[in-house]
Structure formats: C-alpha cells, structure tokens
C-alpha cells in the first residue's frame, strides 16, 4: 500500500528471512564466521544463543547459503518430540529411508549413512532450532549422536540454537557431559544505534528506495530506544511507521511516528512515552481516531 508512495518496489520490512535482504551487524558477522568455521573444521558440537527476534534463524539461513553441496544438512525446527519422532524427522530431512521401527534400528541406519558420507568426503550437519525447549532426555539422545565417530573425525556435526534459557539448561549438573562437548559458543546481541541506521537504510535501498531518507535522525534514535536494537521489533515498527506516514502523506518520518507505532504495538506504555524532540518531556498517547484511521488504511 505504501510502496508506491515511497518509491519502493518491494516491502522492505517483511518478517520472512529473505536472503536478498540479509544484513549482518558486527555480532551477526562474528556469529556467521564462527558457524562456518565450526562446520568446515568439524568441531562437533556448537551452540548459538540469542534473545527472541535477534536474528538467529536468519543467521542459520545465511549459514546454509554458504555451505557447498558436500554438506548434507538437517534442520529440526520442532524440538518437542520423543526420540522416535526426532529420528523420523532427522531421516526425512537427510533423505534417509525407509522409516525404522525402533531407536536401535534408526541408530544402525544412521551410522551406515554417516560412514557412506564420510567415504564420499561429505559432511553431515544437524541443526536443532528452539533447542531451549528440548527435554533433558532429548538432549542426552542428541549427545549420544556425537559418539558416532571414527578415530580421526566426527561423523556428524551438531548445532544447538536457542534463546538464552538454553545456556541455563546446558548448565544443569546432569548435562555436564553434553556441556563439555560444546566446542564453540556464540551469543547474538541486538544492533547498536549505528547498526540500526545501516540496517534500516540498507533494507530500504534493497527494496528500491532511492531518495534522501525516509526516517530522520530523531526517528532512528527513537527506534533504538523503543526496540533496543532487536531486528524483529525494528521490522514491525518501521513497517507500521511507513503505513502511518502513507496515511498522513508524510514523505519524511520523525520520532513522533516511531513513538506512536511503538505505543500501538505495546512496546511502550503511557507512562513510558517520552518526547525525544524536547529532551524527555511527556507526550500524550495517540488518539483513538488515529488508530481507527490506520486500521482503515490496513484494510
């Protein structure tokens, strides 16, 4: 709806991990380098953690895009499985069949598959997303997969990805054997103020924008304040601000537009809304009629 008004050919702040919109901050570049190094050097267990919305899944898609055809990968995105369900999904992801009837049969078939891939000079990578939701039982099952090895190399590399709670889970005494096997760890941090400007302007440019700037400096500062640099929240607020700007025919957006959208999204409360333009004075919450106008344009 707002694309034509702002001279865009695509929506710049979609939530899907589109690789053409990939933008890596310093922590993301470090994280990607760590993951690529771990896979190429056969480190065994690797752990990636980060708060909700910091870009873990985007980083994983960037990793998969950098791996060559000699790496066979399985992406498990639903860790709330029992052992048989987990192995069934693993085999489907790797293209191994047919399905087995017991865990022992799965392990024998997996070992045979891994040895074949090693002989062909190919790697096998298992990525478990949302790993903070794994039970201790399933984490132990995954640890036992690392026992599939030769005297000189691991047959399968395992990457655990999750929210910071994953670290607390791994630190439990009964999981100390798993903790000791994690060779590399990386924690994603949100964007800082400079990275937010690069991120927003970069996505606008990739969406076809050629103007002098939609969000002014005060808007960028307010965006950092209300989102704390979390990429998913930045996307939500910027998308809402562009819609609001289109509704009001505003070619340039300031801090007030960011505050209003952040308030509508529940990122700031009535008592927290501050006017950055006047150095910290209170501002009124947006009127209800503004919200109704916005909803009309959404339709």
C-alpha atoms as a PDB file:
ATOM      1  CA  UNK A   1       0.000   0.000   0.000  1.00  0.00           C
ATOM      2  CA  UNK A   2       2.747   2.464   0.942  1.00  0.00           C
ATOM      3  CA  UNK A   3       5.259   1.142  -1.619  1.00  0.00           C
ATOM      4  CA  UNK A   4       4.235   3.426  -4.482  1.00  0.00           C
ATOM      5  CA  UNK A   5       4.119   6.488  -2.227  1.00  0.00           C
ATOM      6  CA  UNK A   6       7.708   5.960  -1.015  1.00  0.00           C
ATOM      7  CA  UNK A   7       9.042   4.749  -4.367  1.00  0.00           C
ATOM      8  CA  UNK A   8       9.570   1.135  -3.282  1.00  0.00           C
ATOM      9  CA  UNK A   9       9.365  -1.924  -5.497  1.00  0.00           C
ATOM     10  CA  UNK A  10       9.186  -4.378  -2.581  1.00  0.00           C
ATOM     11  CA  UNK A  11       8.131  -4.334   1.042  1.00  0.00           C
ATOM     12  CA  UNK A  12      11.351  -3.603   2.958  1.00  0.00           C
ATOM     13  CA  UNK A  13      10.428  -4.928   6.390  1.00  0.00           C
ATOM     14  CA  UNK A  14       8.830  -8.325   5.837  1.00  0.00           C
ATOM     15  CA  UNK A  15       9.284 -10.853   8.652  1.00  0.00           C
ATOM     16  CA  UNK A  16      10.400 -13.765   6.469  1.00  0.00           C
ATOM     17  CA  UNK A  17      14.175 -14.491   6.390  1.00  0.00           C
ATOM     18  CA  UNK A  18      14.604 -13.404   2.746  1.00  0.00           C
ATOM     19  CA  UNK A  19      18.333 -13.839   1.905  1.00  0.00           C
ATOM     20  CA  UNK A  20      18.179 -10.898  -0.518  1.00  0.00           C
ATOM     21  CA  UNK A  21      17.520  -8.624   2.491  1.00  0.00           C
ATOM     22  CA  UNK A  22      20.288 -10.115   4.613  1.00  0.00           C
ATOM     23  CA  UNK A  23      22.055  -7.512   6.722  1.00  0.00           C
ATOM     24  CA  UNK A  24      24.622  -8.587   9.278  1.00  0.00           C
ATOM     25  CA  UNK A  25      25.666  -6.422  12.194  1.00  0.00           C
ATOM     26  CA  UNK A  26      29.037  -6.951  13.840  1.00  0.00           C
ATOM     27  CA  UNK A  27      27.729  -9.638  16.215  1.00  0.00           C
ATOM     28  CA  UNK A  28      25.976 -11.384  13.309  1.00  0.00           C
ATOM     29  CA  UNK A  29      29.106 -11.324  11.151  1.00  0.00           C
ATOM     30  CA  UNK A  30      31.092 -12.786  14.032  1.00  0.00           C
ATOM     31  CA  UNK A  31      28.398 -15.392  14.585  1.00  0.00           C
ATOM     32  CA  UNK A  32      28.292 -16.406  10.925  1.00  0.00           C
ATOM     33  CA  UNK A  33      32.080 -16.667  10.794  1.00  0.00           C
ATOM     34  CA  UNK A  34      32.021 -18.830  13.915  1.00  0.00           C
ATOM     35  CA  UNK A  35      29.372 -21.171  12.493  1.00  0.00           C
ATOM     36  CA  UNK A  36      31.093 -21.509   9.105  1.00  0.00           C
ATOM     37  CA  UNK A  37      34.410 -22.221  10.812  1.00  0.00           C
ATOM     38  CA  UNK A  38      32.792 -24.809  13.083  1.00  0.00           C
ATOM     39  CA  UNK A  39      31.271 -26.681  10.148  1.00  0.00           C
ATOM     40  CA  UNK A  40      34.354 -26.546   7.935  1.00  0.00           C
ATOM     41  CA  UNK A  41      36.678 -27.677  10.730  1.00  0.00           C
ATOM     42  CA  UNK A  42      34.420 -30.441  12.082  1.00  0.00           C
ATOM     43  CA  UNK A  43      34.131 -29.113  15.622  1.00  0.00           C
ATOM     44  CA  UNK A  44      31.333 -31.467  16.645  1.00  0.00           C
ATOM     45  CA  UNK A  45      29.014 -29.567  18.998  1.00  0.00           C
ATOM     46  CA  UNK A  46      28.333 -25.821  18.528  1.00  0.00           C
ATOM     47  CA  UNK A  47      25.842 -23.602  20.377  1.00  0.00           C
ATOM     48  CA  UNK A  48      24.243 -20.343  19.187  1.00  0.00           C
ATOM     49  CA  UNK A  49      22.053 -18.340  21.561  1.00  0.00           C
ATOM     50  CA  UNK A  50      20.252 -15.005  21.401  1.00  0.00           C
ATOM     51  CA  UNK A  51      17.157 -13.237  22.650  1.00  0.00           C
ATOM     52  CA  UNK A  52      13.857 -13.553  20.786  1.00  0.00           C
ATOM     53  CA  UNK A  53      13.976 -11.652  17.492  1.00  0.00           C
ATOM     54  CA  UNK A  54      17.738 -11.077  17.351  1.00  0.00           C
ATOM     55  CA  UNK A  55      18.113 -12.930  14.045  1.00  0.00           C
ATOM     56  CA  UNK A  56      19.146 -16.484  14.907  1.00  0.00           C
ATOM     57  CA  UNK A  57      17.034 -18.094  12.186  1.00  0.00           C
ATOM     58  CA  UNK A  58      18.188 -15.507   9.650  1.00  0.00           C
ATOM     59  CA  UNK A  59      21.780 -16.317  10.556  1.00  0.00           C
ATOM     60  CA  UNK A  60      21.136 -20.038  10.097  1.00  0.00           C
ATOM     61  CA  UNK A  61      19.705 -19.446   6.620  1.00  0.00           C
ATOM     62  CA  UNK A  62      22.796 -17.367   5.814  1.00  0.00           C
ATOM     63  CA  UNK A  63      24.973 -20.259   7.007  1.00  0.00           C
ATOM     64  CA  UNK A  64      23.109 -22.796   4.874  1.00  0.00           C
ATOM     65  CA  UNK A  65      23.515 -20.469   1.896  1.00  0.00           C
ATOM     66  CA  UNK A  66      27.298 -20.511   2.328  1.00  0.00           C
ATOM     67  CA  UNK A  67      27.676 -24.284   2.590  1.00  0.00           C
ATOM     68  CA  UNK A  68      28.558 -26.193  -0.565  1.00  0.00           C
ATOM     69  CA  UNK A  69      26.949 -29.311  -1.979  1.00  0.00           C
ATOM     70  CA  UNK A  70      29.243 -31.596   0.012  1.00  0.00           C
ATOM     71  CA  UNK A  71      27.423 -30.657   3.234  1.00  0.00           C
ATOM     72  CA  UNK A  72      24.207 -32.545   3.939  1.00  0.00           C
ATOM     73  CA  UNK A  73      22.092 -30.641   6.449  1.00  0.00           C
ATOM     74  CA  UNK A  74      19.062 -31.451   8.577  1.00  0.00           C
ATOM     75  CA  UNK A  75      17.106 -28.569  10.125  1.00  0.00           C
ATOM     76  CA  UNK A  76      14.962 -29.658  13.077  1.00  0.00           C
ATOM     77  CA  UNK A  77      12.649 -26.759  13.979  1.00  0.00           C
ATOM     78  CA  UNK A  78      10.229 -28.616  16.285  1.00  0.00           C
ATOM     79  CA  UNK A  79      12.209 -29.994  19.221  1.00  0.00           C
ATOM     80  CA  UNK A  80       9.148 -31.072  21.221  1.00  0.00           C
ATOM     81  CA  UNK A  81       9.485 -34.651  20.026  1.00  0.00           C
ATOM     82  CA  UNK A  82      10.051 -38.031  21.590  1.00  0.00           C
ATOM     83  CA  UNK A  83      13.185 -39.935  20.462  1.00  0.00           C
ATOM     84  CA  UNK A  84      11.400 -41.874  17.706  1.00  0.00           C
ATOM     85  CA  UNK A  85       9.729 -38.745  16.379  1.00  0.00           C
ATOM     86  CA  UNK A  86      13.078 -36.944  16.410  1.00  0.00           C
ATOM     87  CA  UNK A  87      14.816 -39.694  14.427  1.00  0.00           C
ATOM     88  CA  UNK A  88      11.933 -39.864  11.973  1.00  0.00           C
ATOM     89  CA  UNK A  89      12.219 -36.141  11.274  1.00  0.00           C
ATOM     90  CA  UNK A  90      16.028 -36.367  11.076  1.00  0.00           C
ATOM     91  CA  UNK A  91      15.837 -39.143   8.487  1.00  0.00           C
ATOM     92  CA  UNK A  92      13.260 -37.235   6.447  1.00  0.00           C
ATOM     93  CA  UNK A  93      15.444 -34.104   6.455  1.00  0.00           C
ATOM     94  CA  UNK A  94      18.516 -36.087   5.351  1.00  0.00           C
ATOM     95  CA  UNK A  95      16.594 -38.107   2.806  1.00  0.00           C
ATOM     96  CA  UNK A  96      17.386 -41.399   4.510  1.00  0.00           C
ATOM     97  CA  UNK A  97      14.805 -44.148   4.360  1.00  0.00           C
ATOM     98  CA  UNK A  98      12.777 -46.135   4.953  1.00  0.00           C
ATOM     99  CA  UNK A  99      11.446 -45.311   8.410  1.00  0.00           C
ATOM    100  CA  UNK A 100      12.524 -47.661  11.190  1.00  0.00           C
ATOM    101  CA  UNK A 101      10.502 -49.231  13.986  1.00  0.00           C
ATOM    102  CA  UNK A 102      12.920 -48.782  16.900  1.00  0.00           C
ATOM    103  CA  UNK A 103      15.628 -46.430  18.091  1.00  0.00           C
ATOM    104  CA  UNK A 104      18.239 -49.151  17.683  1.00  0.00           C
ATOM    105  CA  UNK A 105      17.299 -49.571  14.017  1.00  0.00           C
ATOM    106  CA  UNK A 106      17.491 -45.812  13.484  1.00  0.00           C
ATOM    107  CA  UNK A 107      20.962 -45.641  15.031  1.00  0.00           C
ATOM    108  CA  UNK A 108      22.260 -48.519  12.914  1.00  0.00           C
ATOM    109  CA  UNK A 109      20.845 -46.990   9.731  1.00  0.00           C
ATOM    110  CA  UNK A 110      22.193 -43.540  10.648  1.00  0.00           C
ATOM    111  CA  UNK A 111      25.661 -44.921  11.356  1.00  0.00           C
ATOM    112  CA  UNK A 112      25.671 -46.667   7.973  1.00  0.00           C
ATOM    113  CA  UNK A 113      24.560 -43.433   6.248  1.00  0.00           C
ATOM    114  CA  UNK A 114      27.223 -41.357   8.011  1.00  0.00           C
ATOM    115  CA  UNK A 115      30.002 -43.778   7.089  1.00  0.00           C
ATOM    116  CA  UNK A 116      28.890 -43.635   3.453  1.00  0.00           C
ATOM    117  CA  UNK A 117      29.021 -39.839   3.513  1.00  0.00           C
ATOM    118  CA  UNK A 118      32.462 -39.864   5.116  1.00  0.00           C
ATOM    119  CA  UNK A 119      33.736 -42.193   2.399  1.00  0.00           C
ATOM    120  CA  UNK A 120      32.360 -39.771  -0.191  1.00  0.00           C
ATOM    121  CA  UNK A 121      34.160 -36.881   1.584  1.00  0.00           C
ATOM    122  CA  UNK A 122      30.861 -35.255   2.539  1.00  0.00           C
ATOM    123  CA  UNK A 123      29.795 -33.662   5.821  1.00  0.00           C
ATOM    124  CA  UNK A 124      26.548 -34.109   7.736  1.00  0.00           C
ATOM    125  CA  UNK A 125      25.199 -31.203   9.793  1.00  0.00           C
ATOM    126  CA  UNK A 126      22.298 -31.361  12.241  1.00  0.00           C
ATOM    127  CA  UNK A 127      20.775 -28.013  13.298  1.00  0.00           C
ATOM    128  CA  UNK A 128      18.274 -28.046  16.170  1.00  0.00           C
ATOM    129  CA  UNK A 129      16.398 -24.740  16.419  1.00  0.00           C
ATOM    130  CA  UNK A 130      14.489 -23.620  19.543  1.00  0.00           C
ATOM    131  CA  UNK A 131      16.694 -26.024  21.479  1.00  0.00           C
ATOM    132  CA  UNK A 132      15.769 -24.402  24.808  1.00  0.00           C
ATOM    133  CA  UNK A 133      12.535 -26.404  24.532  1.00  0.00           C
ATOM    134  CA  UNK A 134      14.318 -29.756  24.430  1.00  0.00           C
ATOM    135  CA  UNK A 135      13.861 -32.094  27.357  1.00  0.00           C
ATOM    136  CA  UNK A 136      16.893 -33.349  29.240  1.00  0.00           C
ATOM    137  CA  UNK A 137      16.098 -36.781  27.778  1.00  0.00           C
ATOM    138  CA  UNK A 138      16.258 -35.487  24.204  1.00  0.00           C
ATOM    139  CA  UNK A 139      19.449 -33.529  24.867  1.00  0.00           C
ATOM    140  CA  UNK A 140      21.031 -36.732  26.085  1.00  0.00           C
ATOM    141  CA  UNK A 141      19.859 -38.532  22.938  1.00  0.00           C
ATOM    142  CA  UNK A 142      21.453 -35.813  20.825  1.00  0.00           C
ATOM    143  CA  UNK A 143      24.672 -36.018  22.838  1.00  0.00           C
ATOM    144  CA  UNK A 144      24.867 -39.736  22.164  1.00  0.00           C
ATOM    145  CA  UNK A 145      24.807 -39.000  18.433  1.00  0.00           C
ATOM    146  CA  UNK A 146      28.236 -37.423  18.860  1.00  0.00           C
ATOM    147  CA  UNK A 147      29.541 -40.900  19.780  1.00  0.00           C
ATOM    148  CA  UNK A 148      29.186 -41.777  16.098  1.00  0.00           C
ATOM    149  CA  UNK A 149      32.775 -41.094  15.110  1.00  0.00           C
ATOM    150  CA  UNK A 150      35.962 -42.534  13.716  1.00  0.00           C
ATOM    151  CA  UNK A 151      39.357 -42.319  15.464  1.00  0.00           C
ATOM    152  CA  UNK A 152      40.079 -39.154  13.473  1.00  0.00           C
ATOM    153  CA  UNK A 153      36.793 -37.328  12.896  1.00  0.00           C
ATOM    154  CA  UNK A 154      33.187 -36.818  13.957  1.00  0.00           C
ATOM    155  CA  UNK A 155      30.634 -38.389  11.646  1.00  0.00           C
ATOM    156  CA  UNK A 156      28.001 -35.759  12.385  1.00  0.00           C
ATOM    157  CA  UNK A 157      28.208 -32.135  13.440  1.00  0.00           C
ATOM    158  CA  UNK A 158      25.505 -30.799  15.738  1.00  0.00           C
ATOM    159  CA  UNK A 159      24.402 -27.203  16.198  1.00  0.00           C
ATOM    160  CA  UNK A 160      22.105 -26.255  19.085  1.00  0.00           C
ATOM    161  CA  UNK A 161      20.303 -22.933  18.580  1.00  0.00           C
ATOM    162  CA  UNK A 162      18.031 -21.252  21.082  1.00  0.00           C
ATOM    163  CA  UNK A 163      17.172 -18.465  23.469  1.00  0.00           C
ATOM    164  CA  UNK A 164      19.382 -17.649  26.494  1.00  0.00           C
ATOM    165  CA  UNK A 165      17.461 -20.236  28.523  1.00  0.00           C
ATOM    166  CA  UNK A 166      19.370 -22.856  26.532  1.00  0.00           C
ATOM    167  CA  UNK A 167      22.543 -21.870  28.374  1.00  0.00           C
ATOM    168  CA  UNK A 168      20.845 -22.402  31.742  1.00  0.00           C
ATOM    169  CA  UNK A 169      19.567 -25.771  30.528  1.00  0.00           C
ATOM    170  CA  UNK A 170      23.023 -26.879  29.409  1.00  0.00           C
ATOM    171  CA  UNK A 171      24.468 -25.803  32.775  1.00  0.00           C
ATOM    172  CA  UNK A 172      22.356 -28.344  34.661  1.00  0.00           C
ATOM    173  CA  UNK A 173      24.541 -30.900  36.511  1.00  0.00           C
ATOM    174  CA  UNK A 174      23.007 -33.902  34.771  1.00  0.00           C
ATOM    175  CA  UNK A 175      24.000 -32.461  31.382  1.00  0.00           C
ATOM    176  CA  UNK A 176      27.660 -31.840  32.199  1.00  0.00           C
ATOM    177  CA  UNK A 177      28.786 -34.433  29.621  1.00  0.00           C
ATOM    178  CA  UNK A 178      26.982 -32.512  26.885  1.00  0.00           C
ATOM    179  CA  UNK A 179      28.307 -29.179  28.183  1.00  0.00           C
ATOM    180  CA  UNK A 180      31.891 -30.443  27.993  1.00  0.00           C
ATOM    181  CA  UNK A 181      31.450 -31.437  24.357  1.00  0.00           C
ATOM    182  CA  UNK A 182      30.401 -27.995  23.124  1.00  0.00           C
ATOM    183  CA  UNK A 183      33.479 -26.762  21.288  1.00  0.00           C
ATOM    184  CA  UNK A 184      32.252 -23.308  20.221  1.00  0.00           C
ATOM    185  CA  UNK A 185      29.606 -20.918  21.538  1.00  0.00           C
ATOM    186  CA  UNK A 186      28.305 -17.611  20.249  1.00  0.00           C
ATOM    187  CA  UNK A 187      25.653 -15.282  21.622  1.00  0.00           C
ATOM    188  CA  UNK A 188      23.942 -12.799  19.336  1.00  0.00           C
ATOM    189  CA  UNK A 189      23.405  -9.296  20.649  1.00  0.00           C
ATOM    190  CA  UNK A 190      20.926  -6.723  19.288  1.00  0.00           C
ATOM    191  CA  UNK A 191      22.000  -3.910  16.976  1.00  0.00           C
ATOM    192  CA  UNK A 192      23.562  -0.760  18.384  1.00  0.00           C
ATOM    193  CA  UNK A 193      22.498   2.731  17.211  1.00  0.00           C
ATOM    194  CA  UNK A 194      24.912   2.819  14.268  1.00  0.00           C
ATOM    195  CA  UNK A 195      23.897  -0.654  13.127  1.00  0.00           C
ATOM    196  CA  UNK A 196      20.203   0.267  13.251  1.00  0.00           C
ATOM    197  CA  UNK A 197      20.767   3.121  10.788  1.00  0.00           C
ATOM    198  CA  UNK A 198      22.714   0.806   8.476  1.00  0.00           C
ATOM    199  CA  UNK A 199      20.076  -1.900   8.805  1.00  0.00           C
ATOM    200  CA  UNK A 200      17.056   0.322   8.090  1.00  0.00           C
ATOM    201  CA  UNK A 201      18.650   2.253   5.229  1.00  0.00           C
ATOM    202  CA  UNK A 202      20.093  -0.943   3.782  1.00  0.00           C
ATOM    203  CA  UNK A 203      16.707  -2.663   3.664  1.00  0.00           C
ATOM    204  CA  UNK A 204      15.088   0.413   2.137  1.00  0.00           C
ATOM    205  CA  UNK A 205      17.750   0.514  -0.581  1.00  0.00           C
ATOM    206  CA  UNK A 206      17.273  -3.181  -1.346  1.00  0.00           C
ATOM    207  CA  UNK A 207      13.541  -2.511  -1.632  1.00  0.00           C
ATOM    208  CA  UNK A 208      14.220   0.073  -4.347  1.00  0.00           C
ATOM    209  CA  UNK A 209      14.274   3.335  -2.378  1.00  0.00           C
ATOM    210  CA  UNK A 210      16.494   5.990  -3.987  1.00  0.00           C
ATOM    211  CA  UNK A 211      15.516   9.103  -2.023  1.00  0.00           C
ATOM    212  CA  UNK A 212      17.425  11.084   0.588  1.00  0.00           C
ATOM    213  CA  UNK A 213      15.943   9.267   3.563  1.00  0.00           C
ATOM    214  CA  UNK A 214      12.535   8.411   4.985  1.00  0.00           C
ATOM    215  CA  UNK A 215      13.455   8.191   8.683  1.00  0.00           C
ATOM    216  CA  UNK A 216      15.249  11.234  10.060  1.00  0.00           C
ATOM    217  CA  UNK A 217      17.939  11.147  12.761  1.00  0.00           C
ATOM    218  CA  UNK A 218      15.493  11.593  15.619  1.00  0.00           C
ATOM    219  CA  UNK A 219      13.390   8.753  14.261  1.00  0.00           C
ATOM    220  CA  UNK A 220      16.432   6.487  14.270  1.00  0.00           C
ATOM    221  CA  UNK A 221      17.275   7.395  17.857  1.00  0.00           C
ATOM    222  CA  UNK A 222      13.694   6.744  18.934  1.00  0.00           C
ATOM    223  CA  UNK A 223      13.696   3.475  17.019  1.00  0.00           C
ATOM    224  CA  UNK A 224      16.712   2.334  19.012  1.00  0.00           C
ATOM    225  CA  UNK A 225      15.048   3.381  22.257  1.00  0.00           C
ATOM    226  CA  UNK A 226      11.773   1.541  21.723  1.00  0.00           C
ATOM    227  CA  UNK A 227      13.199  -1.620  20.115  1.00  0.00           C
ATOM    228  CA  UNK A 228      16.523  -1.855  21.973  1.00  0.00           C
ATOM    229  CA  UNK A 229      18.056  -2.932  18.675  1.00  0.00           C
ATOM    230  CA  UNK A 230      16.065  -6.164  18.233  1.00  0.00           C
ATOM    231  CA  UNK A 231      15.729  -6.740  14.443  1.00  0.00           C
ATOM    232  CA  UNK A 232      12.237  -8.276  14.575  1.00  0.00           C
ATOM    233  CA  UNK A 233      10.884  -5.302  16.523  1.00  0.00           C
ATOM    234  CA  UNK A 234      12.661  -2.881  14.189  1.00  0.00           C
ATOM    235  CA  UNK A 235      10.863  -4.501  11.244  1.00  0.00           C
ATOM    236  CA  UNK A 236       7.481  -4.266  12.968  1.00  0.00           C
ATOM    237  CA  UNK A 237       7.885  -0.628  13.977  1.00  0.00           C
ATOM    238  CA  UNK A 238       9.297   0.519  10.635  1.00  0.00           C
ATOM    239  CA  UNK A 239       6.553  -1.231   8.682  1.00  0.00           C
ATOM    240  CA  UNK A 240       3.891   0.387  10.874  1.00  0.00           C
ATOM    241  CA  UNK A 241       5.579   3.791  10.610  1.00  0.00           C
ATOM    242  CA  UNK A 242       5.628   3.621   6.805  1.00  0.00           C
ATOM    243  CA  UNK A 243       1.946   2.770   6.815  1.00  0.00           C
ATOM    244  CA  UNK A 244       1.249   5.658   9.173  1.00  0.00           C
ATOM    245  CA  UNK A 245       3.343   8.015   7.019  1.00  0.00           C
ATOM    246  CA  UNK A 246       1.428   6.978   3.918  1.00  0.00           C
ATOM    247  CA  UNK A 247      -1.890   7.510   5.686  1.00  0.00           C
ATOM    248  CA  UNK A 248      -0.817  11.036   6.658  1.00  0.00           C
ATOM    249  CA  UNK A 249       1.071  11.749   3.414  1.00  0.00           C
ATOM    250  CA  UNK A 250       4.364  12.359   5.235  1.00  0.00           C
ATOM    251  CA  UNK A 251       7.419  11.795   2.995  1.00  0.00           C
ATOM    252  CA  UNK A 252       9.773  12.012   5.993  1.00  0.00           C
ATOM    253  CA  UNK A 253       9.131  10.338   9.346  1.00  0.00           C
ATOM    254  CA  UNK A 254      10.316  11.548  12.733  1.00  0.00           C
ATOM    255  CA  UNK A 255      10.396  10.350  16.318  1.00  0.00           C
ATOM    256  CA  UNK A 256       6.703  11.030  16.830  1.00  0.00           C
ATOM    257  CA  UNK A 257       5.708   8.455  14.190  1.00  0.00           C
ATOM    258  CA  UNK A 258       8.011   5.872  15.773  1.00  0.00           C
ATOM    259  CA  UNK A 259       6.583   6.552  19.240  1.00  0.00           C
ATOM    260  CA  UNK A 260       3.006   6.301  18.057  1.00  0.00           C
ATOM    261  CA  UNK A 261       3.551   2.955  16.324  1.00  0.00           C
ATOM    262  CA  UNK A 262       5.566   1.641  19.268  1.00  0.00           C
ATOM    263  CA  UNK A 263       2.708   2.606  21.569  1.00  0.00           C
ATOM    264  CA  UNK A 264       0.182   0.822  19.321  1.00  0.00           C
ATOM    265  CA  UNK A 265       2.376  -2.300  19.329  1.00  0.00           C
ATOM    266  CA  UNK A 266       2.598  -2.279  23.115  1.00  0.00           C
ATOM    267  CA  UNK A 267       6.346  -1.607  23.187  1.00  0.00           C
ATOM    268  CA  UNK A 268       5.943   1.465  25.395  1.00  0.00           C
ATOM    269  CA  UNK A 269       3.280   2.258  27.944  1.00  0.00           C
ATOM    270  CA  UNK A 270       1.532   5.539  28.617  1.00  0.00           C
ATOM    271  CA  UNK A 271       3.890   6.360  31.460  1.00  0.00           C
ATOM    272  CA  UNK A 272       6.989   5.480  29.410  1.00  0.00           C
ATOM    273  CA  UNK A 273       6.326   7.532  26.300  1.00  0.00           C
ATOM    274  CA  UNK A 274       8.845  10.357  26.192  1.00  0.00           C
ATOM    275  CA  UNK A 275       9.254  13.178  23.734  1.00  0.00           C
ATOM    276  CA  UNK A 276      12.805  12.851  22.393  1.00  0.00           C
ATOM    277  CA  UNK A 277      12.383  16.086  20.476  1.00  0.00           C
ATOM    278  CA  UNK A 278      12.118  18.097  23.707  1.00  0.00           C
ATOM    279  CA  UNK A 279      14.688  16.215  25.736  1.00  0.00           C
ATOM    280  CA  UNK A 280      12.483  13.920  27.780  1.00  0.00           C
ATOM    281  CA  UNK A 281       9.142  15.706  28.203  1.00  0.00           C
ATOM    282  CA  UNK A 282       5.961  13.651  28.420  1.00  0.00           C
ATOM    283  CA  UNK A 283       3.775  13.268  25.347  1.00  0.00           C
ATOM    284  CA  UNK A 284       0.171  12.237  25.112  1.00  0.00           C
ATOM    285  CA  UNK A 285      -0.756   8.777  23.893  1.00  0.00           C
ATOM    286  CA  UNK A 286      -2.085   8.712  20.314  1.00  0.00           C
ATOM    287  CA  UNK A 287      -5.770   9.481  19.962  1.00  0.00           C
ATOM    288  CA  UNK A 288      -8.165   6.657  19.217  1.00  0.00           C
ATOM    289  CA  UNK A 289      -9.225   8.185  15.941  1.00  0.00           C
ATOM    290  CA  UNK A 290      -5.643   7.956  14.675  1.00  0.00           C
ATOM    291  CA  UNK A 291      -5.710   4.231  15.348  1.00  0.00           C
ATOM    292  CA  UNK A 292      -9.036   3.878  13.516  1.00  0.00           C
ATOM    293  CA  UNK A 293      -7.645   5.740  10.526  1.00  0.00           C
ATOM    294  CA  UNK A 294      -4.667   3.406  10.487  1.00  0.00           C
ATOM    295  CA  UNK A 295      -6.913   0.356  10.558  1.00  0.00           C
ATOM    296  CA  UNK A 296      -8.905   1.706   7.603  1.00  0.00           C
ATOM    297  CA  UNK A 297      -5.745   2.003   5.560  1.00  0.00           C
ATOM    298  CA  UNK A 298      -4.673  -1.511   6.546  1.00  0.00           C
ATOM    299  CA  UNK A 299      -7.865  -2.836   5.003  1.00  0.00           C
END
